[in-house]
Amino acid sequence: MRIIGGQARGRTLAAPPGARTRPTQDYVRESLFNIIRLHVEGARVLDLFAGTGALSLEAISRGAGEAVLVDSDRAACEAIRANIERVGAAERCRLLRMDYRQAMDALAAQGRAFDLAFLDPPYRMENTGEICAALYERALLAQDCLLVVEHRRGCAPKLDARFEAYDLRKYGDTEITFARLVKGDAG
């Protein structure tokens, strides 16, 4: 696994041992960033269930302004810390080792809002629509925020009326849903 493009292109990334973390494959990340390239420059990025940090570090490599990476797993956080150092992004990245709900509450208390949010929870979690709603309710989404939700094939997020899913891409057993706020709604 490596950074595909941008300033840190070619740098290899570590993954925690075992099967608890499911990193987004390089070819999927490359396709994803080709799709969202216009949303990355200067973006404030939130990476829930960061795993290895590959998604947010790819965004940082391609010009995102800052990233907050969230994961509760100790081994994943160790890999994320190492990967942040490998790509030289320590000044623009913040790692929160905590449950995603606690992280959303803490970030909301700080008045944070994000332009780009990656949600790549374990496939057994099928409440991604509820997570999107929680981000909205905590005012963590900027008006033009792009949500990128990775999920198991056939388990697209059930989004409420405040969101619209405007694209779906399939990569083997992985699907990515692209969603945004319906015009007129603001978090």
N, C-alpha and C. Protein backbone atom coordinates (compact mmCIF):
# COMPACT_ATOMS: atom_id res chain seq x y z
N MET A 1 0.86 -1.17 0.00
CA MET A 1 0.00 0.00 0.00
C MET A 1 0.90 1.23 0.00
N ARG A 2 0.49 2.23 -0.80
CA ARG A 2 1.32 3.41 -0.96
C ARG A 2 0.45 4.62 -1.26
N ILE A 3 1.05 5.80 -1.15
CA ILE A 3 0.39 7.04 -1.57
C ILE A 3 0.44 7.07 -3.09
N ILE A 4 -0.69 7.33 -3.73
CA ILE A 4 -0.81 7.24 -5.18
C ILE A 4 -0.39 8.52 -5.89
N GLY A 5 -0.72 9.68 -5.33
CA GLY A 5 -0.43 10.93 -6.03
C GLY A 5 -0.05 12.05 -5.09
N GLY A 6 0.36 13.15 -5.69
CA GLY A 6 0.68 14.34 -4.91
C GLY A 6 2.10 14.36 -4.40
N GLN A 7 2.32 15.22 -3.41
CA GLN A 7 3.65 15.48 -2.87
C GLN A 7 4.31 14.24 -2.27
N ALA A 8 3.54 13.36 -1.65
CA ALA A 8 4.12 12.17 -1.01
C ALA A 8 3.99 10.92 -1.88
N ARG A 9 3.74 11.11 -3.16
CA ARG A 9 3.54 9.99 -4.08
C ARG A 9 4.64 8.95 -3.96
N GLY A 10 4.21 7.68 -3.88
CA GLY A 10 5.14 6.57 -3.83
C GLY A 10 5.55 6.14 -2.43
N ARG A 11 5.27 6.96 -1.42
CA ARG A 11 5.63 6.57 -0.05
C ARG A 11 4.77 5.39 0.38
N THR A 12 5.41 4.40 0.96
CA THR A 12 4.67 3.22 1.41
C THR A 12 4.03 3.49 2.76
N LEU A 13 2.91 2.82 2.98
CA LEU A 13 2.15 2.98 4.22
C LEU A 13 2.11 1.65 4.96
N ALA A 14 2.14 1.74 6.28
CA ALA A 14 2.06 0.55 7.13
C ALA A 14 0.59 0.25 7.42
N ALA A 15 0.32 -1.01 7.64
CA ALA A 15 -1.02 -1.44 8.08
C ALA A 15 -0.85 -2.26 9.34
N PRO A 16 -1.79 -2.17 10.25
CA PRO A 16 -1.68 -2.98 11.47
C PRO A 16 -1.81 -4.46 11.13
N PRO A 17 -1.18 -5.32 11.91
CA PRO A 17 -1.28 -6.75 11.64
C PRO A 17 -2.70 -7.26 11.87
N GLY A 18 -3.02 -8.37 11.23
CA GLY A 18 -4.33 -8.99 11.44
C GLY A 18 -5.36 -8.49 10.45
N ALA A 19 -6.59 -8.93 10.66
CA ALA A 19 -7.67 -8.64 9.72
C ALA A 19 -8.66 -7.60 10.24
N ARG A 20 -8.35 -6.98 11.38
CA ARG A 20 -9.30 -6.00 11.94
C ARG A 20 -9.41 -4.74 11.08
N THR A 21 -8.32 -4.38 10.42
CA THR A 21 -8.31 -3.19 9.57
C THR A 21 -8.36 -3.64 8.12
N ARG A 22 -9.21 -2.99 7.33
CA ARG A 22 -9.40 -3.32 5.92
C ARG A 22 -9.02 -2.10 5.10
N PRO A 23 -7.72 -1.95 4.76
CA PRO A 23 -7.30 -0.75 4.03
C PRO A 23 -7.94 -0.69 2.64
N THR A 24 -8.25 0.52 2.20
CA THR A 24 -8.76 0.73 0.85
C THR A 24 -7.64 0.42 -0.12
N GLN A 25 -7.91 -0.45 -1.07
CA GLN A 25 -6.88 -0.86 -2.02
C GLN A 25 -6.40 0.31 -2.87
N ASP A 26 -5.14 0.23 -3.32
CA ASP A 26 -4.54 1.32 -4.07
C ASP A 26 -5.36 1.71 -5.29
N TYR A 27 -5.82 0.74 -6.08
CA TYR A 27 -6.55 1.07 -7.30
C TYR A 27 -7.89 1.74 -6.99
N VAL A 28 -8.50 1.38 -5.86
CA VAL A 28 -9.76 2.02 -5.46
C VAL A 28 -9.48 3.46 -5.04
N ARG A 29 -8.42 3.67 -4.27
CA ARG A 29 -8.05 5.03 -3.85
C ARG A 29 -7.71 5.90 -5.06
N GLU A 30 -7.00 5.33 -6.02
CA GLU A 30 -6.65 6.10 -7.21
C GLU A 30 -7.92 6.53 -7.96
N SER A 31 -8.84 5.63 -8.14
CA SER A 31 -10.10 5.96 -8.80
C SER A 31 -10.89 7.00 -7.99
N LEU A 32 -10.97 6.78 -6.69
CA LEU A 32 -11.68 7.70 -5.80
C LEU A 32 -11.13 9.12 -5.93
N PHE A 33 -9.82 9.27 -5.87
CA PHE A 33 -9.23 10.60 -5.92
C PHE A 33 -9.30 11.23 -7.31
N ASN A 34 -9.39 10.42 -8.34
CA ASN A 34 -9.66 10.98 -9.66
C ASN A 34 -11.07 11.59 -9.70
N ILE A 35 -12.01 10.98 -9.00
CA ILE A 35 -13.39 11.45 -8.96
C ILE A 35 -13.51 12.73 -8.12
N ILE A 36 -12.85 12.78 -6.98
CA ILE A 36 -13.03 13.91 -6.04
C ILE A 36 -11.94 14.97 -6.14
N ARG A 37 -11.09 14.91 -7.13
CA ARG A 37 -9.91 15.78 -7.21
C ARG A 37 -10.23 17.26 -7.04
N LEU A 38 -11.38 17.72 -7.48
CA LEU A 38 -11.72 19.14 -7.37
C LEU A 38 -12.16 19.53 -5.96
N HIS A 39 -12.35 18.56 -5.08
CA HIS A 39 -12.80 18.83 -3.71
C HIS A 39 -11.66 18.78 -2.69
N VAL A 40 -10.45 18.48 -3.13
CA VAL A 40 -9.37 18.18 -2.20
C VAL A 40 -8.53 19.40 -1.82
N GLU A 41 -8.17 20.23 -2.76
CA GLU A 41 -7.26 21.35 -2.52
C GLU A 41 -7.77 22.25 -1.39
N GLY A 42 -6.98 22.36 -0.32
CA GLY A 42 -7.30 23.21 0.82
C GLY A 42 -8.38 22.67 1.75
N ALA A 43 -8.89 21.48 1.48
CA ALA A 43 -10.02 20.92 2.25
C ALA A 43 -9.64 20.61 3.70
N ARG A 44 -10.63 20.79 4.56
CA ARG A 44 -10.56 20.31 5.93
C ARG A 44 -11.18 18.91 5.91
N VAL A 45 -10.38 17.90 6.24
CA VAL A 45 -10.76 16.50 6.06
C VAL A 45 -11.03 15.83 7.39
N LEU A 46 -12.11 15.08 7.45
CA LEU A 46 -12.43 14.22 8.58
C LEU A 46 -12.39 12.79 8.09
N ASP A 47 -11.63 11.94 8.76
CA ASP A 47 -11.49 10.53 8.38
C ASP A 47 -11.92 9.68 9.57
N LEU A 48 -13.21 9.32 9.60
CA LEU A 48 -13.71 8.44 10.66
C LEU A 48 -13.34 7.01 10.30
N PHE A 49 -12.99 6.21 11.29
CA PHE A 49 -12.58 4.82 11.07
C PHE A 49 -11.34 4.81 10.16
N ALA A 50 -10.34 5.60 10.53
CA ALA A 50 -9.21 5.87 9.65
C ALA A 50 -8.38 4.65 9.29
N GLY A 51 -8.33 3.64 10.13
CA GLY A 51 -7.61 2.40 9.80
C GLY A 51 -6.11 2.60 9.66
N THR A 52 -5.64 2.86 8.45
CA THR A 52 -4.22 3.15 8.20
C THR A 52 -3.99 4.64 7.98
N GLY A 53 -5.08 5.38 7.79
CA GLY A 53 -4.97 6.79 7.47
C GLY A 53 -4.77 7.05 5.98
N ALA A 54 -4.81 6.01 5.16
CA ALA A 54 -4.49 6.14 3.74
C ALA A 54 -5.37 7.16 3.02
N LEU A 55 -6.66 7.20 3.32
CA LEU A 55 -7.55 8.14 2.61
C LEU A 55 -7.20 9.59 2.93
N SER A 56 -7.08 9.91 4.21
CA SER A 56 -6.79 11.30 4.56
C SER A 56 -5.35 11.67 4.21
N LEU A 57 -4.42 10.75 4.30
CA LEU A 57 -3.04 11.06 3.93
C LEU A 57 -2.90 11.24 2.43
N GLU A 58 -3.69 10.51 1.66
CA GLU A 58 -3.73 10.74 0.21
C GLU A 58 -4.25 12.15 -0.06
N ALA A 59 -5.29 12.55 0.68
CA ALA A 59 -5.83 13.90 0.51
C ALA A 59 -4.79 14.96 0.88
N ILE A 60 -4.08 14.76 1.99
CA ILE A 60 -3.03 15.69 2.40
C ILE A 60 -1.95 15.77 1.33
N SER A 61 -1.54 14.63 0.79
CA SER A 61 -0.53 14.60 -0.25
C SER A 61 -0.96 15.39 -1.48
N ARG A 62 -2.27 15.42 -1.72
CA ARG A 62 -2.82 16.11 -2.90
C ARG A 62 -3.28 17.53 -2.60
N GLY A 63 -2.93 18.06 -1.43
CA GLY A 63 -3.16 19.48 -1.18
C GLY A 63 -4.24 19.83 -0.18
N ALA A 64 -4.83 18.85 0.50
CA ALA A 64 -5.80 19.17 1.55
C ALA A 64 -5.10 20.00 2.63
N GLY A 65 -5.84 20.90 3.25
CA GLY A 65 -5.26 21.79 4.24
C GLY A 65 -4.94 21.12 5.55
N GLU A 66 -5.84 20.27 6.01
CA GLU A 66 -5.66 19.59 7.29
C GLU A 66 -6.53 18.35 7.34
N ALA A 67 -6.20 17.44 8.25
CA ALA A 67 -7.00 16.22 8.41
C ALA A 67 -7.07 15.83 9.88
N VAL A 68 -8.26 15.41 10.28
CA VAL A 68 -8.47 14.80 11.59
C VAL A 68 -8.78 13.34 11.33
N LEU A 69 -7.97 12.47 11.90
CA LEU A 69 -8.11 11.03 11.70
C LEU A 69 -8.60 10.42 13.00
N VAL A 70 -9.63 9.58 12.92
CA VAL A 70 -10.26 9.00 14.10
C VAL A 70 -10.25 7.48 13.98
N ASP A 71 -9.77 6.82 15.02
CA ASP A 71 -9.86 5.36 15.11
C ASP A 71 -9.73 4.99 16.58
N SER A 72 -10.43 3.93 16.97
CA SER A 72 -10.39 3.52 18.36
C SER A 72 -9.42 2.36 18.61
N ASP A 73 -8.95 1.73 17.55
CA ASP A 73 -8.08 0.57 17.68
C ASP A 73 -6.63 0.99 17.92
N ARG A 74 -6.01 0.44 18.96
CA ARG A 74 -4.64 0.81 19.31
C ARG A 74 -3.66 0.53 18.18
N ALA A 75 -3.72 -0.67 17.59
CA ALA A 75 -2.79 -1.04 16.53
C ALA A 75 -2.99 -0.15 15.30
N ALA A 76 -4.23 0.16 14.99
CA ALA A 76 -4.50 1.06 13.85
C ALA A 76 -3.90 2.43 14.12
N CYS A 77 -4.04 2.94 15.32
CA CYS A 77 -3.49 4.26 15.65
C CYS A 77 -1.97 4.27 15.59
N GLU A 78 -1.34 3.18 15.98
CA GLU A 78 0.11 3.09 15.85
C GLU A 78 0.52 3.16 14.38
N ALA A 79 -0.21 2.45 13.53
CA ALA A 79 0.08 2.49 12.09
C ALA A 79 -0.17 3.88 11.53
N ILE A 80 -1.25 4.52 11.95
CA ILE A 80 -1.56 5.87 11.47
C ILE A 80 -0.46 6.84 11.86
N ARG A 81 -0.01 6.78 13.13
CA ARG A 81 1.08 7.66 13.57
C ARG A 81 2.32 7.48 12.71
N ALA A 82 2.68 6.22 12.46
CA ALA A 82 3.85 5.93 11.62
C ALA A 82 3.65 6.46 10.20
N ASN A 83 2.44 6.32 9.67
CA ASN A 83 2.17 6.77 8.31
C ASN A 83 2.17 8.30 8.21
N ILE A 84 1.68 8.97 9.21
CA ILE A 84 1.73 10.44 9.22
C ILE A 84 3.19 10.89 9.16
N GLU A 85 4.05 10.23 9.92
CA GLU A 85 5.48 10.57 9.90
C GLU A 85 6.09 10.25 8.54
N ARG A 86 5.73 9.11 7.95
CA ARG A 86 6.30 8.70 6.66
C ARG A 86 6.00 9.69 5.55
N VAL A 87 4.84 10.31 5.59
CA VAL A 87 4.49 11.25 4.53
C VAL A 87 4.80 12.70 4.94
N GLY A 88 5.35 12.89 6.12
CA GLY A 88 5.75 14.22 6.57
C GLY A 88 4.57 15.16 6.77
N ALA A 89 3.49 14.64 7.37
CA ALA A 89 2.26 15.42 7.49
C ALA A 89 1.89 15.74 8.93
N ALA A 90 2.83 15.68 9.85
CA ALA A 90 2.52 15.85 11.27
C ALA A 90 1.89 17.22 11.57
N GLU A 91 2.29 18.27 10.84
CA GLU A 91 1.75 19.60 11.12
C GLU A 91 0.32 19.76 10.64
N ARG A 92 -0.11 18.92 9.72
CA ARG A 92 -1.45 19.08 9.14
C ARG A 92 -2.42 17.97 9.54
N CYS A 93 -1.96 17.05 10.38
CA CYS A 93 -2.81 15.93 10.79
C CYS A 93 -2.97 15.88 12.31
N ARG A 94 -4.15 15.50 12.73
CA ARG A 94 -4.44 15.29 14.15
C ARG A 94 -5.10 13.93 14.28
N LEU A 95 -4.56 13.09 15.13
CA LEU A 95 -5.07 11.75 15.35
C LEU A 95 -5.83 11.70 16.67
N LEU A 96 -7.06 11.21 16.61
CA LEU A 96 -7.88 11.02 17.82
C LEU A 96 -8.11 9.53 18.01
N ARG A 97 -7.54 8.99 19.08
CA ARG A 97 -7.78 7.57 19.39
C ARG A 97 -8.98 7.50 20.33
N MET A 98 -10.14 7.32 19.72
CA MET A 98 -11.37 7.23 20.49
C MET A 98 -12.48 6.71 19.59
N ASP A 99 -13.58 6.36 20.21
CA ASP A 99 -14.77 5.94 19.49
C ASP A 99 -15.26 7.10 18.61
N TYR A 100 -15.79 6.77 17.45
CA TYR A 100 -16.22 7.81 16.52
C TYR A 100 -17.28 8.74 17.11
N ARG A 101 -18.14 8.24 17.97
CA ARG A 101 -19.17 9.09 18.59
C ARG A 101 -18.53 10.10 19.53
N GLN A 102 -17.56 9.65 20.33
CA GLN A 102 -16.84 10.57 21.21
C GLN A 102 -16.09 11.62 20.40
N ALA A 103 -15.49 11.19 19.31
CA ALA A 103 -14.74 12.12 18.46
C ALA A 103 -15.66 13.17 17.87
N MET A 104 -16.84 12.75 17.40
CA MET A 104 -17.79 13.73 16.84
C MET A 104 -18.21 14.74 17.90
N ASP A 105 -18.45 14.26 19.11
CA ASP A 105 -18.84 15.17 20.20
C ASP A 105 -17.71 16.16 20.50
N ALA A 106 -16.47 15.65 20.58
CA ALA A 106 -15.32 16.51 20.89
C ALA A 106 -15.10 17.54 19.78
N LEU A 107 -15.19 17.13 18.54
CA LEU A 107 -14.99 18.06 17.43
C LEU A 107 -16.11 19.09 17.36
N ALA A 108 -17.34 18.67 17.65
CA ALA A 108 -18.47 19.61 17.68
C ALA A 108 -18.27 20.65 18.78
N ALA A 109 -17.78 20.22 19.93
CA ALA A 109 -17.54 21.15 21.04
C ALA A 109 -16.48 22.18 20.67
N GLN A 110 -15.59 21.83 19.75
CA GLN A 110 -14.55 22.76 19.28
C GLN A 110 -15.04 23.63 18.13
N GLY A 111 -16.27 23.40 17.66
CA GLY A 111 -16.82 24.18 16.57
C GLY A 111 -16.22 23.86 15.21
N ARG A 112 -15.74 22.64 15.04
CA ARG A 112 -15.10 22.23 13.78
C ARG A 112 -16.15 21.94 12.71
N ALA A 113 -15.81 22.21 11.46
CA ALA A 113 -16.63 21.84 10.31
C ALA A 113 -15.69 21.37 9.21
N PHE A 114 -16.11 20.37 8.45
CA PHE A 114 -15.24 19.73 7.47
C PHE A 114 -15.81 19.83 6.07
N ASP A 115 -14.90 19.95 5.11
CA ASP A 115 -15.25 20.04 3.69
C ASP A 115 -15.33 18.68 3.02
N LEU A 116 -14.61 17.71 3.57
CA LEU A 116 -14.51 16.38 2.99
C LEU A 116 -14.50 15.39 4.14
N ALA A 117 -15.43 14.43 4.12
CA ALA A 117 -15.50 13.43 5.19
C ALA A 117 -15.46 12.05 4.59
N PHE A 118 -14.51 11.24 5.08
CA PHE A 118 -14.39 9.85 4.68
C PHE A 118 -14.99 8.98 5.78
N LEU A 119 -15.90 8.10 5.42
CA LEU A 119 -16.47 7.14 6.36
C LEU A 119 -16.21 5.76 5.80
N ASP A 120 -15.35 5.01 6.46
CA ASP A 120 -15.01 3.66 6.02
C ASP A 120 -15.06 2.74 7.23
N PRO A 121 -16.27 2.53 7.77
CA PRO A 121 -16.39 1.71 8.98
C PRO A 121 -16.22 0.23 8.66
N PRO A 122 -16.04 -0.59 9.69
CA PRO A 122 -16.03 -2.03 9.46
C PRO A 122 -17.31 -2.45 8.74
N TYR A 123 -17.20 -3.40 7.83
CA TYR A 123 -18.36 -3.80 7.02
C TYR A 123 -19.53 -4.29 7.86
N ARG A 124 -19.27 -4.76 9.07
CA ARG A 124 -20.39 -5.23 9.90
C ARG A 124 -21.26 -4.06 10.38
N MET A 125 -20.72 -2.85 10.34
CA MET A 125 -21.49 -1.66 10.70
C MET A 125 -22.28 -1.20 9.48
N GLU A 126 -23.57 -1.25 9.59
CA GLU A 126 -24.39 -0.86 8.45
C GLU A 126 -25.22 0.38 8.75
N ASN A 127 -24.80 1.16 9.75
CA ASN A 127 -25.53 2.37 10.13
C ASN A 127 -24.87 3.63 9.58
N THR A 128 -24.27 3.54 8.40
CA THR A 128 -23.54 4.69 7.87
C THR A 128 -24.46 5.89 7.62
N GLY A 129 -25.71 5.66 7.26
CA GLY A 129 -26.65 6.77 7.11
C GLY A 129 -26.86 7.49 8.42
N GLU A 130 -26.93 6.75 9.52
CA GLU A 130 -27.08 7.37 10.84
C GLU A 130 -25.84 8.17 11.22
N ILE A 131 -24.67 7.68 10.81
CA ILE A 131 -23.43 8.41 11.09
C ILE A 131 -23.42 9.73 10.33
N CYS A 132 -23.86 9.71 9.08
CA CYS A 132 -23.95 10.95 8.29
C CYS A 132 -24.89 11.94 8.98
N ALA A 133 -26.04 11.44 9.43
CA ALA A 133 -27.00 12.30 10.13
C ALA A 133 -26.39 12.89 11.40
N ALA A 134 -25.62 12.07 12.14
CA ALA A 134 -24.98 12.56 13.36
C ALA A 134 -23.95 13.65 13.05
N LEU A 135 -23.23 13.52 11.96
CA LEU A 135 -22.29 14.57 11.54
C LEU A 135 -23.04 15.87 11.27
N TYR A 136 -24.17 15.77 10.61
CA TYR A 136 -25.00 16.94 10.32
C TYR A 136 -25.52 17.57 11.61
N GLU A 137 -26.07 16.75 12.47
CA GLU A 137 -26.68 17.25 13.71
C GLU A 137 -25.67 17.90 14.63
N ARG A 138 -24.41 17.52 14.54
CA ARG A 138 -23.36 18.13 15.35
C ARG A 138 -22.69 19.30 14.63
N ALA A 139 -23.24 19.69 13.48
CA ALA A 139 -22.73 20.83 12.69
C ALA A 139 -21.28 20.63 12.27
N LEU A 140 -20.91 19.39 11.95
CA LEU A 140 -19.55 19.08 11.54
C LEU A 140 -19.34 19.13 10.03
N LEU A 141 -20.39 19.44 9.28
CA LEU A 141 -20.31 19.45 7.83
C LEU A 141 -20.42 20.88 7.30
N ALA A 142 -19.44 21.29 6.52
CA ALA A 142 -19.52 22.58 5.84
C ALA A 142 -20.63 22.50 4.79
N GLN A 143 -21.14 23.63 4.36
CA GLN A 143 -22.25 23.67 3.40
C GLN A 143 -21.98 22.83 2.16
N ASP A 144 -20.79 22.90 1.61
CA ASP A 144 -20.46 22.16 0.39
C ASP A 144 -19.69 20.88 0.67
N CYS A 145 -19.87 20.32 1.84
CA CYS A 145 -19.14 19.12 2.24
C CYS A 145 -19.44 17.94 1.30
N LEU A 146 -18.42 17.19 1.01
CA LEU A 146 -18.54 15.95 0.26
C LEU A 146 -18.33 14.80 1.23
N LEU A 147 -19.27 13.87 1.26
CA LEU A 147 -19.14 12.67 2.08
C LEU A 147 -18.80 11.50 1.17
N VAL A 148 -17.78 10.76 1.53
CA VAL A 148 -17.34 9.59 0.78
C VAL A 148 -17.51 8.40 1.72
N VAL A 149 -18.49 7.54 1.40
CA VAL A 149 -18.83 6.43 2.29
C VAL A 149 -18.47 5.12 1.61
N GLU A 150 -17.49 4.42 2.18
CA GLU A 150 -17.10 3.11 1.66
C GLU A 150 -17.90 2.05 2.42
N HIS A 151 -18.43 1.08 1.67
CA HIS A 151 -19.27 0.06 2.28
C HIS A 151 -19.24 -1.22 1.48
N ARG A 152 -19.79 -2.25 2.08
CA ARG A 152 -19.89 -3.55 1.42
C ARG A 152 -20.90 -3.44 0.28
N ARG A 153 -20.64 -4.16 -0.79
CA ARG A 153 -21.53 -4.16 -1.95
C ARG A 153 -22.96 -4.46 -1.52
N GLY A 154 -23.88 -3.62 -1.97
CA GLY A 154 -25.29 -3.82 -1.68
C GLY A 154 -25.75 -3.23 -0.36
N CYS A 155 -24.87 -2.56 0.38
CA CYS A 155 -25.22 -1.99 1.69
C CYS A 155 -24.99 -0.48 1.70
N ALA A 156 -25.53 0.19 0.71
CA ALA A 156 -25.38 1.64 0.62
C ALA A 156 -26.00 2.32 1.83
N PRO A 157 -25.47 3.47 2.24
CA PRO A 157 -26.03 4.16 3.40
C PRO A 157 -27.48 4.58 3.16
N LYS A 158 -28.28 4.44 4.20
CA LYS A 158 -29.67 4.90 4.14
C LYS A 158 -29.67 6.34 4.63
N LEU A 159 -29.60 7.26 3.69
CA LEU A 159 -29.49 8.68 4.00
C LEU A 159 -30.87 9.29 4.19
N ASP A 160 -30.96 10.24 5.12
CA ASP A 160 -32.23 10.93 5.29
C ASP A 160 -32.34 12.06 4.27
N ALA A 161 -33.44 12.80 4.31
CA ALA A 161 -33.77 13.80 3.29
C ALA A 161 -32.81 14.97 3.25
N ARG A 162 -31.95 15.13 4.25
CA ARG A 162 -30.98 16.23 4.24
C ARG A 162 -29.81 15.97 3.30
N PHE A 163 -29.68 14.73 2.83
CA PHE A 163 -28.55 14.33 1.99
C PHE A 163 -29.04 13.80 0.66
N GLU A 164 -28.16 13.91 -0.32
CA GLU A 164 -28.41 13.22 -1.58
C GLU A 164 -27.17 12.43 -1.95
N ALA A 165 -27.40 11.18 -2.30
CA ALA A 165 -26.32 10.35 -2.84
C ALA A 165 -26.33 10.62 -4.34
N TYR A 166 -25.24 11.12 -4.87
CA TYR A 166 -25.24 11.50 -6.28
C TYR A 166 -24.36 10.62 -7.16
N ASP A 167 -23.64 9.68 -6.55
CA ASP A 167 -22.82 8.77 -7.35
C ASP A 167 -22.56 7.51 -6.53
N LEU A 168 -22.42 6.40 -7.22
CA LEU A 168 -22.08 5.12 -6.60
C LEU A 168 -21.10 4.42 -7.52
N ARG A 169 -19.97 3.99 -6.95
CA ARG A 169 -18.96 3.27 -7.73
C ARG A 169 -18.75 1.90 -7.10
N LYS A 170 -18.54 0.91 -7.94
CA LYS A 170 -18.37 -0.47 -7.48
C LYS A 170 -16.98 -0.98 -7.83
N TYR A 171 -16.35 -1.60 -6.84
CA TYR A 171 -15.01 -2.16 -6.99
C TYR A 171 -15.01 -3.53 -6.32
N GLY A 172 -15.37 -4.57 -7.04
CA GLY A 172 -15.45 -5.90 -6.44
C GLY A 172 -16.52 -5.93 -5.37
N ASP A 173 -16.15 -6.33 -4.14
CA ASP A 173 -17.12 -6.38 -3.05
C ASP A 173 -17.23 -5.05 -2.30
N THR A 174 -16.50 -4.04 -2.77
CA THR A 174 -16.52 -2.71 -2.17
C THR A 174 -17.31 -1.75 -3.05
N GLU A 175 -18.10 -0.91 -2.41
CA GLU A 175 -18.78 0.18 -3.10
C GLU A 175 -18.47 1.48 -2.38
N ILE A 176 -18.47 2.56 -3.14
CA ILE A 176 -18.30 3.89 -2.57
C ILE A 176 -19.48 4.74 -2.99
N THR A 177 -20.16 5.29 -2.00
CA THR A 177 -21.26 6.22 -2.22
C THR A 177 -20.75 7.63 -1.98
N PHE A 178 -21.05 8.53 -2.91
CA PHE A 178 -20.70 9.94 -2.80
C PHE A 178 -21.98 10.68 -2.46
N ALA A 179 -21.95 11.45 -1.39
CA ALA A 179 -23.14 12.16 -0.94
C ALA A 179 -22.80 13.60 -0.58
N ARG A 180 -23.82 14.43 -0.58
CA ARG A 180 -23.67 15.84 -0.21
C ARG A 180 -24.97 16.29 0.43
N LEU A 181 -24.90 17.45 1.06
CA LEU A 181 -26.09 18.04 1.63
C LEU A 181 -27.00 18.52 0.50
N VAL A 182 -28.28 18.37 0.72
CA VAL A 182 -29.25 18.92 -0.22
C VAL A 182 -29.13 20.43 -0.16
N LYS A 183 -29.15 21.09 -1.28
CA LYS A 183 -29.01 22.56 -1.31
C LYS A 183 -30.02 23.19 -0.38
N GLY A 184 -29.57 24.17 0.38
CA GLY A 184 -30.44 24.85 1.33
C GLY A 184 -30.24 24.37 2.75
N ASP A 185 -29.69 23.15 2.93
CA ASP A 185 -29.39 22.64 4.29
C ASP A 185 -27.97 23.02 4.63
N ALA A 186 -27.73 23.37 5.86
CA ALA A 186 -26.38 23.67 6.34
C ALA A 186 -26.23 23.08 7.72
N GLY A 187 -25.05 22.52 7.96
CA GLY A 187 -24.76 21.91 9.24
C GLY A 187 -24.26 22.88 10.24
